[in-house]
Amino acid sequence: MGFYKKGKHHHDKSCKTADYSKTLRCDNEKYGYETTGYAVVPVVVADEWIQVDVEAVERLPKPAKEIKRIRKNVHLTQCKLVQSQFSNPESPAYGSYGDTNGNGCCPFYPGKYKLYIEGFVRKNIEYVPSCSGAVEHHTVDTPFHCVVKPDVYGFDPTKLSVKNGIYELVYNDKKGMGMDSKVQGFATYEYFNDMPFCKLEWAGVTELDIAEDWKKGCNVFRTVREKMIVEMRLKVLQMQQKDINNGNDTPKG
């Protein structure tokens, strides 16, 4: 195989390309077990009923005599499942991500989960500014965010990567008296985890609206204090390899 010309095969223009490189050999071998009958499918790892308490203040464009109706829709803008890597720093499972002999290298033991949720309730407010006349419309988004601890099951634990040269290859110098500073080696690895994702199955809003600046003489108001209970059924899913013939998990190899 010949040398690659600089810039010919490298598409990221933000980084410098090596002056020259040469691929010497490529080998492959089968990894794991038989793949026939297996599929990578989304698996439900959490099914949660979540309640969010929200209080907001909204000022209408015009004085209102009465609110006729409020149509509400719940939208999620963020839903991220994060697994702690420091759940039990004194656990004997230190060696989980150590060498093949189980010798620990990292004080990490994946455990506790937190689900970060962010979204908003879009409300279309219909109100009448006077005793007679057309109904006015006003649309407003009320944001919310919270963090909950879901009941997670069947989740493939998040695996850590080592990319900062923690593992070094050290060689003796020619005299056998210490490290040869002219030769250095490093071993790094990356685990590419499947990011869990969410699916909103159901949402409901219970709301109490309180007129705060009611003018008795005119019998109108503009400022509304809203107290809402936002409830959702939310599923968290993760792509996993499964045996579609009998439903058993794929051996990890």
Protein backbone atom coordinates (compact mmCIF):
# COMPACT_ATOMS: atom_id res chain seq x y z
CA MET A 1 0.00 0.00 0.00
CA GLY A 2 1.31 3.43 -0.89
CA PHE A 3 1.54 6.55 1.20
CA TYR A 4 -1.51 8.80 1.38
CA LYS A 5 -1.04 12.26 0.05
CA LYS A 6 -1.57 14.99 2.57
CA GLY A 7 -5.14 16.28 2.67
CA LYS A 8 -6.48 13.76 0.16
CA HIS A 9 -8.38 11.53 2.60
CA HIS A 10 -8.79 13.85 5.58
CA HIS A 11 -11.99 15.91 5.53
CA ASP A 12 -11.74 17.81 8.82
CA LYS A 13 -10.06 21.03 7.71
CA SER A 14 -9.93 22.33 11.29
CA CYS A 15 -7.11 19.90 12.17
CA LYS A 16 -3.69 19.46 10.61
CA THR A 17 -3.19 16.30 8.58
CA ALA A 18 -0.10 14.15 9.15
CA ASP A 19 2.69 14.89 6.71
CA TYR A 20 2.44 11.30 5.50
CA SER A 21 0.92 8.01 6.61
CA LYS A 22 0.88 4.44 5.39
CA THR A 23 -1.55 1.61 6.16
CA LEU A 24 0.53 -1.53 6.61
CA ARG A 25 -2.11 -4.20 7.15
CA CYS A 26 -5.76 -4.79 8.07
CA ASP A 27 -6.93 -7.98 9.83
CA ASN A 28 -10.30 -9.10 11.08
CA GLU A 29 -11.81 -11.94 13.08
CA LYS A 30 -15.24 -12.79 14.36
CA TYR A 31 -16.20 -11.01 17.58
CA GLY A 32 -18.65 -12.62 20.00
CA TYR A 33 -21.18 -15.28 19.06
CA GLU A 34 -23.44 -16.11 16.15
CA THR A 35 -25.26 -13.03 14.86
CA THR A 36 -28.05 -14.78 12.95
CA GLY A 37 -31.40 -14.08 14.59
CA TYR A 38 -30.25 -11.02 16.51
CA ALA A 39 -31.40 -7.46 16.04
CA VAL A 40 -30.58 -4.08 17.55
CA VAL A 41 -33.91 -2.74 18.81
CA PRO A 42 -35.14 -0.04 21.22
CA VAL A 43 -35.73 -1.49 24.69
CA VAL A 44 -37.79 0.22 27.40
CA VAL A 45 -35.51 0.71 30.42
CA ALA A 46 -37.80 3.04 32.40
CA ASP A 47 -41.53 3.81 32.37
CA GLU A 48 -42.27 6.75 34.66
CA TRP A 49 -45.24 8.82 35.79
CA ILE A 50 -43.84 12.29 36.41
CA GLN A 51 -45.53 15.24 38.10
CA VAL A 52 -44.15 18.78 37.82
CA ASP A 53 -45.50 21.68 39.88
CA VAL A 54 -45.27 25.02 38.08
CA GLU A 55 -46.20 28.54 39.11
CA ALA A 56 -46.09 31.43 36.64
CA VAL A 57 -47.39 34.98 36.21
CA GLU A 58 -48.78 36.16 32.87
CA ARG A 59 -49.96 39.62 31.83
CA LEU A 60 -52.64 39.70 29.14
CA PRO A 61 -52.29 42.13 26.19
CA LYS A 62 -55.61 43.77 27.12
CA PRO A 63 -57.76 43.97 30.24
CA ALA A 64 -60.05 40.94 30.42
CA LYS A 65 -63.48 40.59 31.86
CA GLU A 66 -63.43 36.81 31.78
CA ILE A 67 -61.26 33.93 30.57
CA LYS A 68 -63.41 31.69 28.42
CA ARG A 69 -61.03 28.83 27.70
CA ILE A 70 -57.37 27.82 27.79
CA ARG A 71 -56.09 25.20 25.39
CA LYS A 72 -52.84 23.57 26.57
CA ASN A 73 -50.20 21.41 24.91
CA VAL A 74 -47.13 19.92 26.63
CA HIS A 75 -43.83 19.91 24.73
CA LEU A 76 -40.50 18.44 25.85
CA THR A 77 -37.30 20.10 24.68
CA GLN A 78 -34.90 17.92 26.67
CA CYS A 79 -35.00 14.46 28.21
CA LYS A 80 -31.61 13.01 29.15
CA LEU A 81 -30.82 9.98 31.30
CA VAL A 82 -27.49 10.34 33.13
CA GLN A 83 -25.85 7.50 35.04
CA SER A 84 -23.57 8.40 37.94
CA GLN A 85 -20.04 7.05 37.81
CA PHE A 86 -19.36 7.73 41.49
CA SER A 87 -22.28 6.00 43.19
CA ASN A 88 -20.19 3.94 45.59
CA PRO A 89 -16.50 4.96 45.64
CA GLU A 90 -15.75 2.33 48.32
CA SER A 91 -17.26 -0.54 46.35
CA PRO A 92 -15.09 -3.65 45.83
CA ALA A 93 -16.08 -3.39 42.15
CA TYR A 94 -13.24 -0.94 41.56
CA GLY A 95 -11.81 -3.46 39.14
CA SER A 96 -14.85 -3.36 36.83
CA TYR A 97 -12.95 -1.21 34.36
CA GLY A 98 -9.48 -2.37 35.32
CA ASP A 99 -7.28 -4.92 33.61
CA THR A 100 -8.25 -8.47 32.64
CA ASN A 101 -7.22 -9.75 36.07
CA GLY A 102 -9.76 -7.54 37.81
CA ASN A 103 -7.16 -5.16 39.17
CA GLY A 104 -8.83 -1.84 39.75
CA CYS A 105 -7.66 1.23 37.92
CA CYS A 106 -10.56 3.56 38.36
CA PRO A 107 -12.74 4.48 41.37
CA PHE A 108 -15.87 4.20 39.22
CA TYR A 109 -18.87 1.96 39.70
CA PRO A 110 -21.91 2.90 37.58
CA GLY A 111 -25.09 3.05 39.59
CA LYS A 112 -27.60 5.80 40.27
CA TYR A 113 -29.63 7.34 37.48
CA LYS A 114 -31.01 10.85 37.06
CA LEU A 115 -33.45 11.96 34.37
CA TYR A 116 -33.16 15.59 33.30
CA ILE A 117 -36.41 16.94 31.86
CA GLU A 118 -37.06 20.31 30.27
CA GLY A 119 -40.04 21.59 28.32
CA PHE A 120 -42.92 24.02 28.24
CA VAL A 121 -46.69 24.21 28.28
CA ARG A 122 -48.04 26.14 25.30
CA LYS A 123 -51.29 27.82 26.22
CA ASN A 124 -53.76 29.52 23.98
CA ILE A 125 -55.85 31.80 26.20
CA GLU A 126 -59.28 32.91 24.99
CA TYR A 127 -60.74 35.85 26.89
CA VAL A 128 -63.31 38.61 26.47
CA PRO A 129 -62.26 42.23 27.10
CA SER A 130 -65.84 43.46 27.59
CA CYS A 131 -69.38 42.29 28.08
CA SER A 132 -69.93 42.12 24.34
CA GLY A 133 -67.58 41.79 21.40
CA ALA A 134 -65.13 39.34 19.85
CA VAL A 135 -63.13 36.82 21.83
CA GLU A 136 -59.43 37.70 22.03
CA HIS A 137 -56.61 35.15 21.77
CA HIS A 138 -53.25 35.16 23.51
CA THR A 139 -50.60 32.40 23.20
CA VAL A 140 -47.86 32.00 25.78
CA ASP A 141 -45.26 29.32 26.60
CA THR A 142 -44.70 28.45 30.26
CA PRO A 143 -41.34 26.67 30.70
CA PHE A 144 -40.51 24.03 33.28
CA HIS A 145 -37.54 21.82 34.13
CA CYS A 146 -36.75 19.25 36.79
CA VAL A 147 -34.56 16.28 37.66
CA VAL A 148 -36.05 12.97 38.82
CA LYS A 149 -34.61 9.63 39.93
CA PRO A 150 -36.25 7.02 37.68
CA ASP A 151 -36.65 3.30 38.36
CA VAL A 152 -34.36 1.89 35.69
CA TYR A 153 -34.18 -1.79 34.76
CA GLY A 154 -32.44 -3.75 32.00
CA PHE A 155 -30.10 -0.86 31.20
CA ASP A 156 -26.72 -1.49 29.61
CA PRO A 157 -24.40 0.39 32.00
CA THR A 158 -22.49 3.36 30.67
CA LYS A 159 -18.88 2.42 29.95
CA LEU A 160 -16.02 4.85 30.45
CA SER A 161 -13.28 5.60 27.96
CA VAL A 162 -9.62 6.24 28.64
CA LYS A 163 -8.21 8.86 26.28
CA ASN A 164 -5.62 10.82 28.26
CA GLY A 165 -2.71 8.41 28.15
CA ILE A 166 -3.35 6.80 31.54
CA TYR A 167 -1.83 3.53 30.31
CA GLU A 168 1.79 3.95 29.26
CA LEU A 169 4.29 1.61 27.66
CA VAL A 170 7.70 2.12 29.31
CA TYR A 171 10.92 0.58 28.02
CA ASN A 172 14.36 0.18 29.54
CA ASP A 173 17.23 2.11 28.04
CA LYS A 174 20.14 0.28 26.43
CA LYS A 175 22.00 0.09 29.73
CA GLY A 176 18.97 -1.29 31.59
CA MET A 177 19.19 1.49 34.12
CA GLY A 178 15.87 3.26 33.65
CA MET A 179 13.28 4.49 31.18
CA ASP A 180 14.30 5.11 27.62
CA SER A 181 13.04 8.65 27.10
CA LYS A 182 13.42 8.34 23.33
CA VAL A 183 10.64 5.74 23.10
CA GLN A 184 7.17 6.25 24.55
CA GLY A 185 3.96 4.32 24.09
CA PHE A 186 0.39 4.90 25.16
CA ALA A 187 -2.76 2.77 25.13
CA THR A 188 -6.19 4.40 25.04
CA TYR A 189 -9.66 3.10 24.32
CA GLU A 190 -13.15 4.43 23.65
CA TYR A 191 -16.54 2.90 24.41
CA PHE A 192 -19.30 4.22 22.17
CA ASN A 193 -22.41 4.04 24.34
CA ASP A 194 -25.92 4.17 22.96
CA MET A 195 -27.55 7.34 24.23
CA PRO A 196 -30.94 6.60 25.83
CA PHE A 197 -33.87 8.53 24.40
CA CYS A 198 -37.36 9.40 25.61
CA LYS A 199 -40.89 9.02 24.34
CA LEU A 200 -43.74 11.07 25.75
CA GLU A 201 -46.74 8.73 26.01
CA TRP A 202 -49.27 10.96 27.74
CA ALA A 203 -49.50 14.45 29.26
CA GLY A 204 -52.12 16.29 31.28
CA VAL A 205 -52.32 19.70 32.94
CA THR A 206 -54.43 20.75 35.91
CA GLU A 207 -54.44 24.50 36.33
CA LEU A 208 -55.71 27.16 38.69
CA ASP A 209 -55.79 30.77 37.39
CA ILE A 210 -55.99 33.63 39.86
CA ALA A 211 -56.65 37.23 38.77
CA GLU A 212 -54.23 39.36 40.81
CA ASP A 213 -55.07 42.93 39.75
CA TRP A 214 -58.85 42.82 39.67
CA LYS A 215 -60.29 46.30 39.33
CA LYS A 216 -63.60 46.35 41.13
CA GLY A 217 -65.01 49.43 39.46
CA CYS A 218 -64.32 48.18 35.94
CA ASN A 219 -64.54 44.46 36.77
CA VAL A 220 -61.50 43.69 34.61
CA PHE A 221 -58.00 42.29 35.17
CA ARG A 222 -54.76 41.79 33.21
CA THR A 223 -52.39 39.86 35.46
CA VAL A 224 -53.00 36.15 36.01
CA ARG A 225 -51.11 33.92 38.42
CA GLU A 226 -51.09 30.33 37.22
CA LYS A 227 -50.61 27.28 39.42
CA MET A 228 -50.21 24.16 37.29
CA ILE A 229 -49.72 20.46 37.89
CA VAL A 230 -48.12 18.98 34.77
CA GLU A 231 -48.29 15.18 34.65
CA MET A 232 -46.63 12.93 32.11
CA ARG A 233 -46.11 9.29 31.33
CA LEU A 234 -42.60 9.08 29.95
CA LYS A 235 -40.71 6.09 28.59
CA VAL A 236 -36.92 5.91 28.39
CA LEU A 237 -35.53 3.61 25.72
CA GLN A 238 -32.08 2.33 24.79
CA MET A 239 -30.90 0.53 21.67
CA GLN A 240 -29.82 -3.00 22.62
CA GLN A 241 -28.97 -6.20 20.79
CA LYS A 242 -31.58 -8.90 21.37
CA ASP A 243 -32.26 -12.44 20.24
CA ILE A 244 -35.45 -12.02 18.24
CA ASN A 245 -36.02 -15.78 18.06
CA ASN A 246 -36.57 -16.47 21.76
CA GLY A 247 -36.26 -13.07 23.42
CA ASN A 248 -33.01 -13.81 25.25
CA ASP A 249 -30.26 -11.27 25.51
CA THR A 250 -27.28 -11.58 23.21
CA PRO A 251 -24.25 -13.09 24.95
CA LYS A 252 -21.72 -10.37 25.50
CA GLY A 253 -18.82 -12.47 24.25
